[in-house]
């Protein structure tokens, strides 16, 4: 089983990207309008399982948590403090659509 990279095709943001708003809970990581193609993808539906794999570097002195929007969030990742090129993989089901990526 191979995961397809849909980020480049479905989200209007390229990597690497820098997120600097670490003081605001529920800060949008990417503008909601950049998720317009992801939110209409035929498999981005409630109950569908997705895998998210990212490589991160953090200069923050504390862990940061990000997830897609819903009451409890989904595809939630914790970025360890002061980490350099750390790989994170999370598998979860879509809990709510349309969805957007936020810091928690």
PDB file of N, CA and C in Angstrom:
ATOM      1  N   UNK A   1       0.847  -1.183   0.000  1.00  0.00           N
ATOM      2  CA  UNK A   1       0.000   0.000   0.000  1.00  0.00           C
ATOM      3  C   UNK A   1       0.887   1.238   0.000  1.00  0.00           C
ATOM      4  N   UNK A   2       0.642   2.140  -0.919  1.00  0.00           N
ATOM      5  CA  UNK A   2       1.406   3.380  -1.019  1.00  0.00           C
ATOM      6  C   UNK A   2       0.473   4.566  -0.861  1.00  0.00           C
ATOM      7  N   UNK A   3       0.895   5.518  -0.068  1.00  0.00           N
ATOM      8  CA  UNK A   3       0.108   6.735   0.106  1.00  0.00           C
ATOM      9  C   UNK A   3       0.419   7.709  -1.027  1.00  0.00           C
ATOM     10  N   UNK A   4      -0.601   8.318  -1.573  1.00  0.00           N
ATOM     11  CA  UNK A   4      -0.423   9.324  -2.621  1.00  0.00           C
ATOM     12  C   UNK A   4      -0.215  10.688  -1.978  1.00  0.00           C
ATOM     13  N   UNK A   5       0.638  11.492  -2.564  1.00  0.00           N
ATOM     14  CA  UNK A   5       0.836  12.859  -2.088  1.00  0.00           C
ATOM     15  C   UNK A   5      -0.230  13.734  -2.727  1.00  0.00           C
ATOM     16  N   UNK A   6      -1.269  14.045  -1.953  1.00  0.00           N
ATOM     17  CA  UNK A   6      -2.350  14.866  -2.485  1.00  0.00           C
ATOM     18  C   UNK A   6      -2.206  16.332  -2.095  1.00  0.00           C
ATOM     19  N   UNK A   7      -1.304  16.619  -1.137  1.00  0.00           N
ATOM     20  CA  UNK A   7      -1.149  17.993  -0.659  1.00  0.00           C
ATOM     21  C   UNK A   7      -0.823  18.941  -1.800  1.00  0.00           C
ATOM     22  N   UNK A   8       0.163  18.576  -2.615  1.00  0.00           N
ATOM     23  CA  UNK A   8       0.590  19.461  -3.701  1.00  0.00           C
ATOM     24  C   UNK A   8      -0.531  19.761  -4.687  1.00  0.00           C
ATOM     25  N   UNK A   9      -1.385  18.775  -4.933  1.00  0.00           N
ATOM     26  CA  UNK A   9      -2.464  18.951  -5.903  1.00  0.00           C
ATOM     27  C   UNK A   9      -3.720  19.590  -5.305  1.00  0.00           C
ATOM     28  N   UNK A  10      -3.983  19.338  -4.016  1.00  0.00           N
ATOM     29  CA  UNK A  10      -5.270  19.726  -3.445  1.00  0.00           C
ATOM     30  C   UNK A  10      -5.227  20.888  -2.469  1.00  0.00           C
ATOM     31  N   UNK A  11      -4.046  21.279  -2.025  1.00  0.00           N
ATOM     32  CA  UNK A  11      -3.928  22.400  -1.090  1.00  0.00           C
ATOM     33  C   UNK A  11      -3.027  23.442  -1.725  1.00  0.00           C
ATOM     34  N   UNK A  12      -3.460  24.683  -1.661  1.00  0.00           N
ATOM     35  CA  UNK A  12      -2.758  25.750  -2.374  1.00  0.00           C
ATOM     36  C   UNK A  12      -1.535  26.297  -1.673  1.00  0.00           C
ATOM     37  N   UNK A  13      -0.777  25.437  -1.001  1.00  0.00           N
ATOM     38  CA  UNK A  13       0.421  25.877  -0.288  1.00  0.00           C
ATOM     39  C   UNK A  13       1.534  24.887  -0.574  1.00  0.00           C
ATOM     40  N   UNK A  14       2.714  25.391  -0.841  1.00  0.00           N
ATOM     41  CA  UNK A  14       3.840  24.486  -1.074  1.00  0.00           C
ATOM     42  C   UNK A  14       4.755  24.471   0.142  1.00  0.00           C
ATOM     43  N   UNK A  15       5.532  23.436   0.229  1.00  0.00           N
ATOM     44  CA  UNK A  15       6.476  23.277   1.336  1.00  0.00           C
ATOM     45  C   UNK A  15       7.893  23.489   0.837  1.00  0.00           C
ATOM     46  N   UNK A  16       8.833  23.839   1.676  1.00  0.00           N
ATOM     47  CA  UNK A  16       8.637  24.025   3.107  1.00  0.00           C
ATOM     48  C   UNK A  16       7.882  25.318   3.402  1.00  0.00           C
ATOM     49  N   UNK A  17       7.187  25.324   4.526  1.00  0.00           N
ATOM     50  CA  UNK A  17       6.464  26.511   4.973  1.00  0.00           C
ATOM     51  C   UNK A  17       6.854  26.808   6.411  1.00  0.00           C
ATOM     52  N   UNK A  18       6.668  28.034   6.815  1.00  0.00           N
ATOM     53  CA  UNK A  18       7.003  28.448   8.177  1.00  0.00           C
ATOM     54  C   UNK A  18       5.738  28.913   8.861  1.00  0.00           C
ATOM     55  N   UNK A  19       5.507  28.390  10.044  1.00  0.00           N
ATOM     56  CA  UNK A  19       4.358  28.784  10.860  1.00  0.00           C
ATOM     57  C   UNK A  19       4.899  29.538  12.067  1.00  0.00           C
ATOM     58  N   UNK A  20       4.494  30.794  12.218  1.00  0.00           N
ATOM     59  CA  UNK A  20       5.058  31.620  13.290  1.00  0.00           C
ATOM     60  C   UNK A  20       4.044  32.030  14.352  1.00  0.00           C
ATOM     61  N   UNK A  21       2.763  31.794  14.130  1.00  0.00           N
ATOM     62  CA  UNK A  21       1.731  32.218  15.070  1.00  0.00           C
ATOM     63  C   UNK A  21       1.537  31.150  16.152  1.00  0.00           C
ATOM     64  N   UNK A  22       2.539  30.955  17.007  1.00  0.00           N
ATOM     65  CA  UNK A  22       2.492  29.885  17.998  1.00  0.00           C
ATOM     66  C   UNK A  22       1.847  30.302  19.313  1.00  0.00           C
ATOM     67  N   UNK A  23       1.428  31.542  19.431  1.00  0.00           N
ATOM     68  CA  UNK A  23       0.836  32.029  20.673  1.00  0.00           C
ATOM     69  C   UNK A  23      -0.688  31.990  20.665  1.00  0.00           C
ATOM     70  N   UNK A  24      -1.294  31.782  19.516  1.00  0.00           N
ATOM     71  CA  UNK A  24      -2.749  31.856  19.386  1.00  0.00           C
ATOM     72  C   UNK A  24      -3.350  30.465  19.214  1.00  0.00           C
ATOM     73  N   UNK A  25      -4.190  30.062  20.178  1.00  0.00           N
ATOM     74  CA  UNK A  25      -4.909  28.802  20.024  1.00  0.00           C
ATOM     75  C   UNK A  25      -5.858  28.911  18.843  1.00  0.00           C
ATOM     76  N   UNK A  26      -6.002  27.830  18.117  1.00  0.00           N
ATOM     77  CA  UNK A  26      -6.882  27.736  16.963  1.00  0.00           C
ATOM     78  C   UNK A  26      -6.425  28.622  15.809  1.00  0.00           C
ATOM     79  N   UNK A  27      -5.144  28.957  15.775  1.00  0.00           N
ATOM     80  CA  UNK A  27      -4.614  29.727  14.650  1.00  0.00           C
ATOM     81  C   UNK A  27      -4.623  28.846  13.405  1.00  0.00           C
ATOM     82  N   UNK A  28      -5.088  29.396  12.304  1.00  0.00           N
ATOM     83  CA  UNK A  28      -5.095  28.655  11.041  1.00  0.00           C
ATOM     84  C   UNK A  28      -3.665  28.521  10.540  1.00  0.00           C
ATOM     85  N   UNK A  29      -3.268  27.312  10.211  1.00  0.00           N
ATOM     86  CA  UNK A  29      -1.933  27.057   9.685  1.00  0.00           C
ATOM     87  C   UNK A  29      -1.873  27.478   8.228  1.00  0.00           C
ATOM     88  N   UNK A  30      -2.947  27.222   7.526  1.00  0.00           N
ATOM     89  CA  UNK A  30      -3.081  27.550   6.109  1.00  0.00           C
ATOM     90  C   UNK A  30      -4.439  28.230   5.954  1.00  0.00           C
ATOM     91  N   UNK A  31      -4.533  29.218   5.106  1.00  0.00           N
ATOM     92  CA  UNK A  31      -5.809  29.917   4.898  1.00  0.00           C
ATOM     93  C   UNK A  31      -6.902  28.917   4.502  1.00  0.00           C
ATOM     94  N   UNK A  32      -8.083  29.023   5.101  1.00  0.00           N
ATOM     95  CA  UNK A  32      -9.170  28.103   4.759  1.00  0.00           C
ATOM     96  C   UNK A  32      -9.451  28.011   3.262  1.00  0.00           C
ATOM     97  N   UNK A  33      -9.285  29.102   2.547  1.00  0.00           N
ATOM     98  CA  UNK A  33      -9.532  29.065   1.095  1.00  0.00           C
ATOM     99  C   UNK A  33      -8.568  28.138   0.361  1.00  0.00           C
ATOM    100  N   UNK A  34      -7.398  27.870   0.955  1.00  0.00           N
ATOM    101  CA  UNK A  34      -6.432  26.972   0.320  1.00  0.00           C
ATOM    102  C   UNK A  34      -6.854  25.509   0.389  1.00  0.00           C
ATOM    103  N   UNK A  35      -7.888  25.198   1.167  1.00  0.00           N
ATOM    104  CA  UNK A  35      -8.378  23.829   1.289  1.00  0.00           C
ATOM    105  C   UNK A  35      -9.590  23.551   0.399  1.00  0.00           C
ATOM    106  N   UNK A  36      -9.927  24.470  -0.492  1.00  0.00           N
ATOM    107  CA  UNK A  36     -11.146  24.310  -1.291  1.00  0.00           C
ATOM    108  C   UNK A  36     -11.123  23.036  -2.138  1.00  0.00           C
ATOM    109  N   UNK A  37      -9.977  22.633  -2.670  1.00  0.00           N
ATOM    110  CA  UNK A  37      -9.929  21.422  -3.499  1.00  0.00           C
ATOM    111  C   UNK A  37      -9.891  20.153  -2.642  1.00  0.00           C
ATOM    112  N   UNK A  38      -9.206  20.211  -1.510  1.00  0.00           N
ATOM    113  CA  UNK A  38      -9.191  19.062  -0.601  1.00  0.00           C
ATOM    114  C   UNK A  38     -10.604  18.769  -0.102  1.00  0.00           C
ATOM    115  N   UNK A  39     -11.340  19.808   0.255  1.00  0.00           N
ATOM    116  CA  UNK A  39     -12.669  19.621   0.835  1.00  0.00           C
ATOM    117  C   UNK A  39     -13.705  19.081  -0.138  1.00  0.00           C
ATOM    118  N   UNK A  40     -13.426  19.077  -1.420  1.00  0.00           N
ATOM    119  CA  UNK A  40     -14.352  18.482  -2.394  1.00  0.00           C
ATOM    120  C   UNK A  40     -13.789  17.196  -3.005  1.00  0.00           C
ATOM    121  N   UNK A  41     -12.626  16.753  -2.509  1.00  0.00           N
ATOM    122  CA  UNK A  41     -12.042  15.498  -2.997  1.00  0.00           C
ATOM    123  C   UNK A  41     -12.999  14.348  -2.649  1.00  0.00           C
ATOM    124  N   UNK A  42     -13.215  13.404  -3.569  1.00  0.00           N
ATOM    125  CA  UNK A  42     -14.215  12.355  -3.343  1.00  0.00           C
ATOM    126  C   UNK A  42     -13.941  11.447  -2.146  1.00  0.00           C
ATOM    127  N   UNK A  43     -12.694  11.358  -1.676  1.00  0.00           N
ATOM    128  CA  UNK A  43     -12.429  10.519  -0.506  1.00  0.00           C
ATOM    129  C   UNK A  43     -12.204  11.331   0.769  1.00  0.00           C
ATOM    130  N   UNK A  44     -12.326  12.657   0.705  1.00  0.00           N
ATOM    131  CA  UNK A  44     -12.251  13.485   1.912  1.00  0.00           C
ATOM    132  C   UNK A  44     -13.667  13.608   2.467  1.00  0.00           C
ATOM    133  N   UNK A  45     -14.151  12.508   3.030  1.00  0.00           N
ATOM    134  CA  UNK A  45     -15.510  12.444   3.558  1.00  0.00           C
ATOM    135  C   UNK A  45     -15.470  11.833   4.953  1.00  0.00           C
ATOM    136  N   UNK A  46     -16.457  12.163   5.760  1.00  0.00           N
ATOM    137  CA  UNK A  46     -16.532  11.647   7.117  1.00  0.00           C
ATOM    138  C   UNK A  46     -16.465  10.123   7.112  1.00  0.00           C
ATOM    139  N   UNK A  47     -15.615   9.578   7.979  1.00  0.00           N
ATOM    140  CA  UNK A  47     -15.460   8.136   8.102  1.00  0.00           C
ATOM    141  C   UNK A  47     -14.354   7.550   7.250  1.00  0.00           C
ATOM    142  N   UNK A  48     -13.853   8.284   6.270  1.00  0.00           N
ATOM    143  CA  UNK A  48     -12.781   7.787   5.396  1.00  0.00           C
ATOM    144  C   UNK A  48     -11.439   7.893   6.124  1.00  0.00           C
ATOM    145  N   UNK A  49     -10.596   6.865   6.016  1.00  0.00           N
ATOM    146  CA  UNK A  49      -9.299   6.873   6.666  1.00  0.00           C
ATOM    147  C   UNK A  49      -8.245   7.541   5.772  1.00  0.00           C
ATOM    148  N   UNK A  50      -7.452   8.423   6.378  1.00  0.00           N
ATOM    149  CA  UNK A  50      -6.363   9.107   5.679  1.00  0.00           C
ATOM    150  C   UNK A  50      -5.087   8.990   6.502  1.00  0.00           C
ATOM    151  N   UNK A  51      -3.961   9.062   5.819  1.00  0.00           N
ATOM    152  CA  UNK A  51      -2.645   9.083   6.458  1.00  0.00           C
ATOM    153  C   UNK A  51      -2.003  10.423   6.148  1.00  0.00           C
ATOM    154  N   UNK A  52      -1.439  11.050   7.180  1.00  0.00           N
ATOM    155  CA  UNK A  52      -0.702  12.299   6.974  1.00  0.00           C
ATOM    156  C   UNK A  52       0.730  12.068   7.431  1.00  0.00           C
ATOM    157  N   UNK A  53       1.679  12.335   6.540  1.00  0.00           N
ATOM    158  CA  UNK A  53       3.099  12.206   6.854  1.00  0.00           C
ATOM    159  C   UNK A  53       3.757  13.555   6.619  1.00  0.00           C
ATOM    160  N   UNK A  54       4.486  14.022   7.625  1.00  0.00           N
ATOM    161  CA  UNK A  54       5.171  15.307   7.494  1.00  0.00           C
ATOM    162  C   UNK A  54       6.564  15.200   8.098  1.00  0.00           C
ATOM    163  N   UNK A  55       7.458  16.049   7.629  1.00  0.00           N
ATOM    164  CA  UNK A  55       8.777  16.214   8.230  1.00  0.00           C
ATOM    165  C   UNK A  55       8.812  17.623   8.781  1.00  0.00           C
ATOM    166  N   UNK A  56       9.229  17.755  10.035  1.00  0.00           N
ATOM    167  CA  UNK A  56       9.176  19.049  10.699  1.00  0.00           C
ATOM    168  C   UNK A  56      10.494  19.388  11.372  1.00  0.00           C
ATOM    169  N   UNK A  57      10.701  20.685  11.513  1.00  0.00           N
ATOM    170  CA  UNK A  57      11.764  21.246  12.326  1.00  0.00           C
ATOM    171  C   UNK A  57      11.106  22.312  13.183  1.00  0.00           C
ATOM    172  N   UNK A  58      11.452  22.355  14.458  1.00  0.00           N
ATOM    173  CA  UNK A  58      10.853  23.343  15.341  1.00  0.00           C
ATOM    174  C   UNK A  58      11.935  24.025  16.178  1.00  0.00           C
ATOM    175  N   UNK A  59      11.830  25.340  16.244  1.00  0.00           N
ATOM    176  CA  UNK A  59      12.710  26.109  17.116  1.00  0.00           C
ATOM    177  C   UNK A  59      11.962  26.570  18.363  1.00  0.00           C
ATOM    178  N   UNK A  60      10.729  26.108  18.537  1.00  0.00           N
ATOM    179  CA  UNK A  60       9.912  26.486  19.692  1.00  0.00           C
ATOM    180  C   UNK A  60      10.361  25.704  20.929  1.00  0.00           C
ATOM    181  N   UNK A  61      10.338  26.339  22.102  1.00  0.00           N
ATOM    182  CA  UNK A  61      10.773  25.662  23.329  1.00  0.00           C
ATOM    183  C   UNK A  61       9.738  24.691  23.901  1.00  0.00           C
ATOM    184  N   UNK A  62       8.555  24.634  23.309  1.00  0.00           N
ATOM    185  CA  UNK A  62       7.518  23.728  23.781  1.00  0.00           C
ATOM    186  C   UNK A  62       6.903  22.975  22.600  1.00  0.00           C
ATOM    187  N   UNK A  63       6.290  21.821  22.907  1.00  0.00           N
ATOM    188  CA  UNK A  63       5.611  21.046  21.870  1.00  0.00           C
ATOM    189  C   UNK A  63       4.468  21.862  21.275  1.00  0.00           C
ATOM    190  N   UNK A  64       4.195  21.633  20.001  1.00  0.00           N
ATOM    191  CA  UNK A  64       3.064  22.269  19.324  1.00  0.00           C
ATOM    192  C   UNK A  64       2.143  21.177  18.799  1.00  0.00           C
ATOM    193  N   UNK A  65       0.843  21.386  18.914  1.00  0.00           N
ATOM    194  CA  UNK A  65      -0.139  20.404  18.460  1.00  0.00           C
ATOM    195  C   UNK A  65      -0.974  21.025  17.349  1.00  0.00           C
ATOM    196  N   UNK A  66      -1.134  20.279  16.271  1.00  0.00           N
ATOM    197  CA  UNK A  66      -1.926  20.708  15.124  1.00  0.00           C
ATOM    198  C   UNK A  66      -2.925  19.618  14.794  1.00  0.00           C
ATOM    199  N   UNK A  67      -4.088  20.019  14.292  1.00  0.00           N
ATOM    200  CA  UNK A  67      -5.044  19.027  13.814  1.00  0.00           C
ATOM    201  C   UNK A  67      -6.006  19.685  12.842  1.00  0.00           C
ATOM    202  N   UNK A  68      -6.716  18.832  12.120  1.00  0.00           N
ATOM    203  CA  UNK A  68      -7.808  19.328  11.298  1.00  0.00           C
ATOM    204  C   UNK A  68      -8.988  19.595  12.216  1.00  0.00           C
ATOM    205  N   UNK A  69      -9.883  20.454  11.771  1.00  0.00           N
ATOM    206  CA  UNK A  69     -10.976  20.936  12.607  1.00  0.00           C
ATOM    207  C   UNK A  69     -12.058  19.890  12.825  1.00  0.00           C
ATOM    208  N   UNK A  70     -12.537  19.859  14.041  1.00  0.00           N
ATOM    209  CA  UNK A  70     -13.748  19.171  14.491  1.00  0.00           C
ATOM    210  C   UNK A  70     -13.743  19.300  16.008  1.00  0.00           C
ATOM    211  N   UNK A  71     -14.743  18.780  16.664  1.00  0.00           N
ATOM    212  CA  UNK A  71     -14.842  18.928  18.110  1.00  0.00           C
ATOM    213  C   UNK A  71     -13.583  18.430  18.815  1.00  0.00           C
ATOM    214  N   UNK A  72     -13.105  17.275  18.427  1.00  0.00           N
ATOM    215  CA  UNK A  72     -11.915  16.708  19.057  1.00  0.00           C
ATOM    216  C   UNK A  72     -10.711  16.725  18.128  1.00  0.00           C
ATOM    217  N   UNK A  73     -10.875  17.206  16.937  1.00  0.00           N
ATOM    218  CA  UNK A  73      -9.790  17.233  15.962  1.00  0.00           C
ATOM    219  C   UNK A  73      -9.525  15.855  15.389  1.00  0.00           C
ATOM    220  N   UNK A  74      -8.902  15.825  14.253  1.00  0.00           N
ATOM    221  CA  UNK A  74      -8.491  14.565  13.650  1.00  0.00           C
ATOM    222  C   UNK A  74      -7.220  14.810  12.860  1.00  0.00           C
ATOM    223  N   UNK A  75      -6.534  13.732  12.538  1.00  0.00           N
ATOM    224  CA  UNK A  75      -5.191  13.814  11.971  1.00  0.00           C
ATOM    225  C   UNK A  75      -4.348  14.756  12.838  1.00  0.00           C
ATOM    226  N   UNK A  76      -4.413  14.529  14.138  1.00  0.00           N
ATOM    227  CA  UNK A  76      -3.734  15.381  15.116  1.00  0.00           C
ATOM    228  C   UNK A  76      -2.268  14.974  15.233  1.00  0.00           C
ATOM    229  N   UNK A  77      -1.374  15.941  15.153  1.00  0.00           N
ATOM    230  CA  UNK A  77       0.064  15.691  15.278  1.00  0.00           C
ATOM    231  C   UNK A  77       0.656  16.588  16.356  1.00  0.00           C
ATOM    232  N   UNK A  78       1.611  16.040  17.066  1.00  0.00           N
ATOM    233  CA  UNK A  78       2.369  16.808  18.047  1.00  0.00           C
ATOM    234  C   UNK A  78       3.778  16.975  17.522  1.00  0.00           C
ATOM    235  N   UNK A  79       4.199  18.221  17.416  1.00  0.00           N
ATOM    236  CA  UNK A  79       5.551  18.545  16.973  1.00  0.00           C
ATOM    237  C   UNK A  79       6.394  18.748  18.233  1.00  0.00           C
ATOM    238  N   UNK A  80       7.394  17.899  18.458  1.00  0.00           N
ATOM    239  CA  UNK A  80       8.213  18.045  19.658  1.00  0.00           C
ATOM    240  C   UNK A  80       8.992  19.366  19.657  1.00  0.00           C
ATOM    241  N   UNK A  81       9.230  19.872  20.851  1.00  0.00           N
ATOM    242  CA  UNK A  81      10.013  21.100  21.000  1.00  0.00           C
ATOM    243  C   UNK A  81      11.441  20.888  20.492  1.00  0.00           C
ATOM    244  N   UNK A  82      11.960  21.919  19.854  1.00  0.00           N
ATOM    245  CA  UNK A  82      13.368  21.967  19.454  1.00  0.00           C
ATOM    246  C   UNK A  82      13.837  20.730  18.694  1.00  0.00           C
ATOM    247  N   UNK A  83      13.018  20.295  17.760  1.00  0.00           N
ATOM    248  CA  UNK A  83      13.347  19.106  16.981  1.00  0.00           C
ATOM    249  C   UNK A  83      13.882  19.516  15.611  1.00  0.00           C
ATOM    250  N   UNK A  84      14.784  18.726  15.069  1.00  0.00           N
ATOM    251  CA  UNK A  84      15.364  19.026  13.769  1.00  0.00           C
ATOM    252  C   UNK A  84      15.092  17.875  12.807  1.00  0.00           C
ATOM    253  N   UNK A  85      14.324  18.143  11.786  1.00  0.00           N
ATOM    254  CA  UNK A  85      13.957  17.173  10.749  1.00  0.00           C
ATOM    255  C   UNK A  85      13.425  15.876  11.366  1.00  0.00           C
ATOM    256  N   UNK A  86      12.286  16.004  11.948  1.00  0.00           N
ATOM    257  CA  UNK A  86      11.596  14.901  12.622  1.00  0.00           C
ATOM    258  C   UNK A  86      10.428  14.442  11.750  1.00  0.00           C
ATOM    259  N   UNK A  87      10.321  13.140  11.506  1.00  0.00           N
ATOM    260  CA  UNK A  87       9.223  12.599  10.704  1.00  0.00           C
ATOM    261  C   UNK A  87       8.048  12.232  11.611  1.00  0.00           C
ATOM    262  N   UNK A  88       6.852  12.640  11.199  1.00  0.00           N
ATOM    263  CA  UNK A  88       5.626  12.344  11.941  1.00  0.00           C
ATOM    264  C   UNK A  88       4.635  11.710  10.965  1.00  0.00           C
ATOM    265  N   UNK A  89       4.040  10.597  11.386  1.00  0.00           N
ATOM    266  CA  UNK A  89       2.992   9.939  10.600  1.00  0.00           C
ATOM    267  C   UNK A  89       1.789   9.731  11.508  1.00  0.00           C
ATOM    268  N   UNK A  90       0.636  10.091  11.013  1.00  0.00           N
ATOM    269  CA  UNK A  90      -0.597   9.883  11.769  1.00  0.00           C
ATOM    270  C   UNK A  90      -1.649   9.327  10.813  1.00  0.00           C
ATOM    271  N   UNK A  91      -2.415   8.357  11.301  1.00  0.00           N
ATOM    272  CA  UNK A  91      -3.512   7.757  10.546  1.00  0.00           C
ATOM    273  C   UNK A  91      -4.785   7.989  11.348  1.00  0.00           C
ATOM    274  N   UNK A  92      -5.809   8.484  10.696  1.00  0.00           N
ATOM    275  CA  UNK A  92      -7.057   8.787  11.393  1.00  0.00           C
ATOM    276  C   UNK A  92      -8.186   8.815  10.366  1.00  0.00           C
ATOM    277  N   UNK A  93      -9.409   8.845  10.862  1.00  0.00           N
ATOM    278  CA  UNK A  93     -10.553   8.978   9.968  1.00  0.00           C
ATOM    279  C   UNK A  93     -11.022  10.430   9.962  1.00  0.00           C
ATOM    280  N   UNK A  94     -11.559  10.829   8.832  1.00  0.00           N
ATOM    281  CA  UNK A  94     -12.103  12.179   8.683  1.00  0.00           C
ATOM    282  C   UNK A  94     -13.332  12.274   9.590  1.00  0.00           C
ATOM    283  N   UNK A  95     -13.342  13.295  10.439  1.00  0.00           N
ATOM    284  CA  UNK A  95     -14.440  13.441  11.400  1.00  0.00           C
ATOM    285  C   UNK A  95     -15.437  14.523  11.017  1.00  0.00           C
ATOM    286  N   UNK A  96     -15.034  15.440  10.132  1.00  0.00           N
ATOM    287  CA  UNK A  96     -15.880  16.592   9.850  1.00  0.00           C
ATOM    288  C   UNK A  96     -15.427  17.222   8.533  1.00  0.00           C
ATOM    289  N   UNK A  97     -16.370  17.578   7.701  1.00  0.00           N
ATOM    290  CA  UNK A  97     -16.038  18.317   6.477  1.00  0.00           C
ATOM    291  C   UNK A  97     -17.027  19.474   6.334  1.00  0.00           C
ATOM    292  N   UNK A  98     -16.620  20.594   5.766  1.00  0.00           N
ATOM    293  CA  UNK A  98     -15.265  20.901   5.307  1.00  0.00           C
ATOM    294  C   UNK A  98     -14.305  21.008   6.497  1.00  0.00           C
ATOM    295  N   UNK A  99     -13.018  20.811   6.236  1.00  0.00           N
ATOM    296  CA  UNK A  99     -12.005  20.752   7.285  1.00  0.00           C
ATOM    297  C   UNK A  99     -10.872  21.713   6.981  1.00  0.00           C
ATOM    298  N   UNK A 100     -10.247  22.185   8.049  1.00  0.00           N
ATOM    299  CA  UNK A 100      -9.127  23.124   7.936  1.00  0.00           C
ATOM    300  C   UNK A 100      -8.091  22.768   8.979  1.00  0.00           C
ATOM    301  N   UNK A 101      -6.841  23.101   8.748  1.00  0.00           N
ATOM    302  CA  UNK A 101      -5.745  22.761   9.643  1.00  0.00           C
ATOM    303  C   UNK A 101      -5.471  23.899  10.625  1.00  0.00           C
ATOM    304  N   UNK A 102      -5.502  23.588  11.920  1.00  0.00           N
ATOM    305  CA  UNK A 102      -5.315  24.585  12.968  1.00  0.00           C
ATOM    306  C   UNK A 102      -4.286  24.145  13.989  1.00  0.00           C
ATOM    307  N   UNK A 103      -3.703  25.125  14.690  1.00  0.00           N
ATOM    308  CA  UNK A 103      -2.917  24.835  15.869  1.00  0.00           C
ATOM    309  C   UNK A 103      -3.895  24.714  17.025  1.00  0.00           C
ATOM    310  N   UNK A 104      -3.687  23.736  17.890  1.00  0.00           N
ATOM    311  CA  UNK A 104      -4.607  23.498  19.012  1.00  0.00           C
ATOM    312  C   UNK A 104      -4.037  24.020  20.299  1.00  0.00           C
TER     313      UNK A 104
END
